[in-house]
Amino acid sequence: MALHFELVTPARLVRSDDVYMVVVPGTEGEEGVLEGHAPFMTTMRDGTLRIYKTDGAAPEEIQVQGGFAEVGDNGLTVLAEHVEG
């Protein structure tokens, strides 16, 4: 099974992919999200989004600034104010 992940800024869709896990830099702490995670929404702090393509893989790191993360029936959507790179 895979987690559907989308990273979006006000300007564009940055990424849409099926992944193993994403670690989100939430304002209340880091949140690891896997397929089947309970629905939730959190605000994000400036930090590093870590994307694991498969179990045990080295993470891809993307710097994000602010925004929100939401887990729902369609997977994880990260709405970032700004993405580095």
N, C-alpha and C. Protein backbone atom coordinates (compact mmCIF):
# COMPACT_ATOMS: atom_id res chain seq x y z
N MET A 1 0.84 -1.18 0.00
CA MET A 1 0.00 0.00 0.00
C MET A 1 0.88 1.24 0.00
N ALA A 2 0.35 2.33 -0.52
CA ALA A 2 1.10 3.56 -0.61
C ALA A 2 0.24 4.74 -0.18
N LEU A 3 0.90 5.75 0.28
CA LEU A 3 0.26 7.00 0.68
C LEU A 3 0.28 7.95 -0.51
N HIS A 4 -0.88 8.48 -0.90
CA HIS A 4 -0.87 9.49 -1.96
C HIS A 4 -0.51 10.83 -1.32
N PHE A 5 0.49 11.49 -1.90
CA PHE A 5 1.05 12.73 -1.35
C PHE A 5 1.04 13.82 -2.41
N GLU A 6 0.54 15.01 -2.01
CA GLU A 6 0.59 16.17 -2.89
C GLU A 6 1.19 17.34 -2.12
N LEU A 7 2.11 18.05 -2.78
CA LEU A 7 2.73 19.26 -2.24
C LEU A 7 2.34 20.40 -3.17
N VAL A 8 1.67 21.41 -2.60
CA VAL A 8 1.11 22.50 -3.38
C VAL A 8 1.53 23.83 -2.77
N THR A 9 1.84 24.82 -3.63
CA THR A 9 2.06 26.21 -3.19
C THR A 9 0.96 27.05 -3.83
N PRO A 10 0.84 28.32 -3.44
CA PRO A 10 -0.17 29.18 -4.10
C PRO A 10 0.05 29.28 -5.61
N ALA A 11 1.28 29.07 -6.07
CA ALA A 11 1.59 29.23 -7.48
C ALA A 11 1.42 27.96 -8.32
N ARG A 12 1.65 26.76 -7.69
CA ARG A 12 1.66 25.56 -8.52
C ARG A 12 1.59 24.28 -7.70
N LEU A 13 1.30 23.19 -8.40
CA LEU A 13 1.42 21.85 -7.85
C LEU A 13 2.89 21.46 -7.97
N VAL A 14 3.56 21.26 -6.86
CA VAL A 14 4.99 20.95 -6.85
C VAL A 14 5.22 19.46 -7.07
N ARG A 15 4.38 18.64 -6.42
CA ARG A 15 4.58 17.20 -6.49
C ARG A 15 3.28 16.46 -6.22
N SER A 16 3.06 15.38 -6.94
CA SER A 16 1.94 14.48 -6.71
C SER A 16 2.49 13.08 -6.94
N ASP A 17 2.51 12.26 -5.88
CA ASP A 17 3.21 10.98 -5.96
C ASP A 17 2.66 10.02 -4.91
N ASP A 18 2.84 8.73 -5.15
CA ASP A 18 2.54 7.73 -4.14
C ASP A 18 3.85 7.38 -3.44
N VAL A 19 3.87 7.47 -2.12
CA VAL A 19 5.08 7.28 -1.33
C VAL A 19 4.79 6.36 -0.15
N TYR A 20 5.85 5.98 0.57
CA TYR A 20 5.70 5.15 1.75
C TYR A 20 5.32 5.98 2.97
N MET A 21 6.06 7.09 3.22
CA MET A 21 5.82 7.92 4.40
C MET A 21 6.32 9.33 4.16
N VAL A 22 5.66 10.30 4.81
CA VAL A 22 6.10 11.69 4.79
C VAL A 22 6.15 12.17 6.24
N VAL A 23 7.23 12.87 6.60
CA VAL A 23 7.34 13.48 7.93
C VAL A 23 7.16 14.99 7.73
N VAL A 24 6.12 15.53 8.38
CA VAL A 24 5.72 16.92 8.23
C VAL A 24 6.20 17.73 9.44
N PRO A 25 6.81 18.92 9.21
CA PRO A 25 7.23 19.76 10.33
C PRO A 25 6.05 20.58 10.88
N GLY A 26 5.24 19.96 11.71
CA GLY A 26 4.08 20.63 12.29
C GLY A 26 4.48 21.60 13.39
N THR A 27 3.63 22.56 13.66
CA THR A 27 3.93 23.53 14.72
C THR A 27 3.92 22.88 16.10
N GLU A 28 3.26 21.75 16.24
CA GLU A 28 3.21 21.03 17.52
C GLU A 28 4.23 19.90 17.57
N GLY A 29 5.06 19.79 16.54
CA GLY A 29 6.05 18.73 16.45
C GLY A 29 5.97 18.03 15.11
N GLU A 30 6.92 17.15 14.86
CA GLU A 30 6.93 16.43 13.59
C GLU A 30 5.86 15.34 13.58
N GLU A 31 5.22 15.19 12.42
CA GLU A 31 4.16 14.20 12.25
C GLU A 31 4.57 13.23 11.15
N GLY A 32 4.71 11.96 11.47
CA GLY A 32 4.97 10.94 10.45
C GLY A 32 3.65 10.41 9.93
N VAL A 33 3.47 10.45 8.62
CA VAL A 33 2.19 10.04 8.01
C VAL A 33 2.42 8.85 7.09
N LEU A 34 1.72 7.77 7.38
CA LEU A 34 1.72 6.55 6.57
C LEU A 34 0.33 6.35 5.99
N GLU A 35 0.21 5.45 5.00
CA GLU A 35 -1.10 5.08 4.46
C GLU A 35 -2.00 4.62 5.61
N GLY A 36 -3.25 5.06 5.60
CA GLY A 36 -4.20 4.66 6.63
C GLY A 36 -4.17 5.53 7.88
N HIS A 37 -3.38 6.60 7.88
CA HIS A 37 -3.31 7.50 9.05
C HIS A 37 -4.68 8.12 9.29
N ALA A 38 -5.01 8.33 10.55
CA ALA A 38 -6.28 8.97 10.90
C ALA A 38 -6.32 10.38 10.33
N PRO A 39 -7.49 10.84 9.92
CA PRO A 39 -7.60 12.21 9.38
C PRO A 39 -7.17 13.24 10.42
N PHE A 40 -6.47 14.27 9.96
CA PHE A 40 -6.10 15.39 10.82
C PHE A 40 -5.66 16.56 9.96
N MET A 41 -5.60 17.73 10.58
CA MET A 41 -5.08 18.93 9.94
C MET A 41 -4.18 19.62 10.93
N THR A 42 -3.04 20.16 10.46
CA THR A 42 -2.11 20.87 11.32
C THR A 42 -1.51 22.05 10.58
N THR A 43 -1.12 23.06 11.33
CA THR A 43 -0.32 24.13 10.74
C THR A 43 1.13 23.67 10.72
N MET A 44 1.89 24.23 9.78
CA MET A 44 3.29 23.84 9.66
C MET A 44 4.19 25.01 10.01
N ARG A 45 5.34 24.65 10.57
CA ARG A 45 6.39 25.64 10.81
C ARG A 45 7.37 25.54 9.65
N ASP A 46 8.24 26.55 9.53
CA ASP A 46 9.31 26.47 8.54
C ASP A 46 10.18 25.28 8.91
N GLY A 47 10.52 24.46 7.94
CA GLY A 47 11.34 23.30 8.24
C GLY A 47 11.50 22.38 7.05
N THR A 48 11.84 21.14 7.35
CA THR A 48 12.14 20.15 6.33
C THR A 48 11.04 19.11 6.24
N LEU A 49 10.50 18.95 5.06
CA LEU A 49 9.55 17.89 4.75
C LEU A 49 10.40 16.71 4.30
N ARG A 50 10.24 15.55 4.94
CA ARG A 50 11.02 14.37 4.57
C ARG A 50 10.10 13.34 3.92
N ILE A 51 10.45 12.94 2.70
CA ILE A 51 9.62 12.04 1.91
C ILE A 51 10.38 10.73 1.72
N TYR A 52 9.77 9.64 2.18
CA TYR A 52 10.35 8.31 2.05
C TYR A 52 9.60 7.58 0.94
N LYS A 53 10.27 7.31 -0.15
CA LYS A 53 9.63 6.66 -1.30
C LYS A 53 9.26 5.21 -0.97
N THR A 54 10.14 4.51 -0.23
CA THR A 54 9.87 3.13 0.18
C THR A 54 10.32 2.95 1.63
N ASP A 55 9.89 1.87 2.25
CA ASP A 55 10.30 1.55 3.61
C ASP A 55 11.80 1.33 3.64
N GLY A 56 12.51 2.03 4.53
CA GLY A 56 13.95 1.88 4.66
C GLY A 56 14.77 2.74 3.72
N ALA A 57 14.12 3.46 2.81
CA ALA A 57 14.85 4.32 1.86
C ALA A 57 15.34 5.58 2.57
N ALA A 58 16.39 6.18 2.03
CA ALA A 58 16.84 7.48 2.52
C ALA A 58 15.80 8.52 2.11
N PRO A 59 15.52 9.48 3.00
CA PRO A 59 14.48 10.46 2.67
C PRO A 59 14.94 11.51 1.67
N GLU A 60 14.00 11.96 0.86
CA GLU A 60 14.19 13.15 0.04
C GLU A 60 13.76 14.31 0.94
N GLU A 61 14.54 15.38 1.00
CA GLU A 61 14.22 16.50 1.87
C GLU A 61 13.87 17.73 1.05
N ILE A 62 12.76 18.36 1.42
CA ILE A 62 12.31 19.59 0.76
C ILE A 62 12.07 20.63 1.84
N GLN A 63 12.66 21.80 1.68
CA GLN A 63 12.47 22.89 2.64
C GLN A 63 11.14 23.59 2.34
N VAL A 64 10.33 23.75 3.39
CA VAL A 64 9.05 24.43 3.24
C VAL A 64 8.96 25.57 4.25
N GLN A 65 8.14 26.56 3.89
CA GLN A 65 7.90 27.68 4.79
C GLN A 65 6.40 27.81 5.00
N GLY A 66 5.99 27.64 6.26
CA GLY A 66 4.59 27.83 6.64
C GLY A 66 3.61 26.97 5.89
N GLY A 67 2.35 27.15 6.22
CA GLY A 67 1.28 26.46 5.52
C GLY A 67 0.53 25.48 6.41
N PHE A 68 -0.12 24.53 5.76
CA PHE A 68 -0.97 23.55 6.42
C PHE A 68 -0.71 22.16 5.84
N ALA A 69 -1.00 21.15 6.62
CA ALA A 69 -0.97 19.77 6.15
C ALA A 69 -2.29 19.12 6.54
N GLU A 70 -2.86 18.35 5.61
CA GLU A 70 -4.13 17.68 5.88
C GLU A 70 -4.08 16.25 5.41
N VAL A 71 -4.49 15.33 6.29
CA VAL A 71 -4.64 13.93 5.94
C VAL A 71 -6.13 13.65 5.84
N GLY A 72 -6.54 13.09 4.72
CA GLY A 72 -7.94 12.76 4.50
C GLY A 72 -8.06 11.48 3.71
N ASP A 73 -9.23 11.25 3.16
CA ASP A 73 -9.49 10.04 2.38
C ASP A 73 -8.58 9.93 1.16
N ASN A 74 -8.13 11.08 0.63
CA ASN A 74 -7.30 11.08 -0.58
C ASN A 74 -5.81 11.06 -0.27
N GLY A 75 -5.41 10.91 0.99
CA GLY A 75 -4.00 10.89 1.36
C GLY A 75 -3.59 12.16 2.07
N LEU A 76 -2.33 12.56 1.86
CA LEU A 76 -1.75 13.74 2.52
C LEU A 76 -1.59 14.87 1.51
N THR A 77 -2.14 16.03 1.86
CA THR A 77 -1.94 17.24 1.07
C THR A 77 -1.22 18.26 1.92
N VAL A 78 -0.09 18.78 1.43
CA VAL A 78 0.65 19.82 2.10
C VAL A 78 0.49 21.09 1.29
N LEU A 79 -0.07 22.13 1.92
CA LEU A 79 -0.25 23.43 1.30
C LEU A 79 0.79 24.36 1.91
N ALA A 80 1.93 24.52 1.24
CA ALA A 80 3.03 25.31 1.75
C ALA A 80 3.00 26.72 1.20
N GLU A 81 3.35 27.70 2.04
CA GLU A 81 3.43 29.08 1.56
C GLU A 81 4.55 29.24 0.55
N HIS A 82 5.67 28.53 0.79
CA HIS A 82 6.83 28.62 -0.11
C HIS A 82 7.62 27.32 -0.01
N VAL A 83 8.17 26.88 -1.14
CA VAL A 83 9.00 25.68 -1.20
C VAL A 83 10.34 26.07 -1.80
N GLU A 84 11.43 25.66 -1.14
CA GLU A 84 12.78 25.91 -1.66
C GLU A 84 13.11 24.90 -2.74
N GLY A 85 13.59 25.37 -3.86
CA GLY A 85 14.03 24.47 -4.91
C GLY A 85 13.06 24.27 -6.02
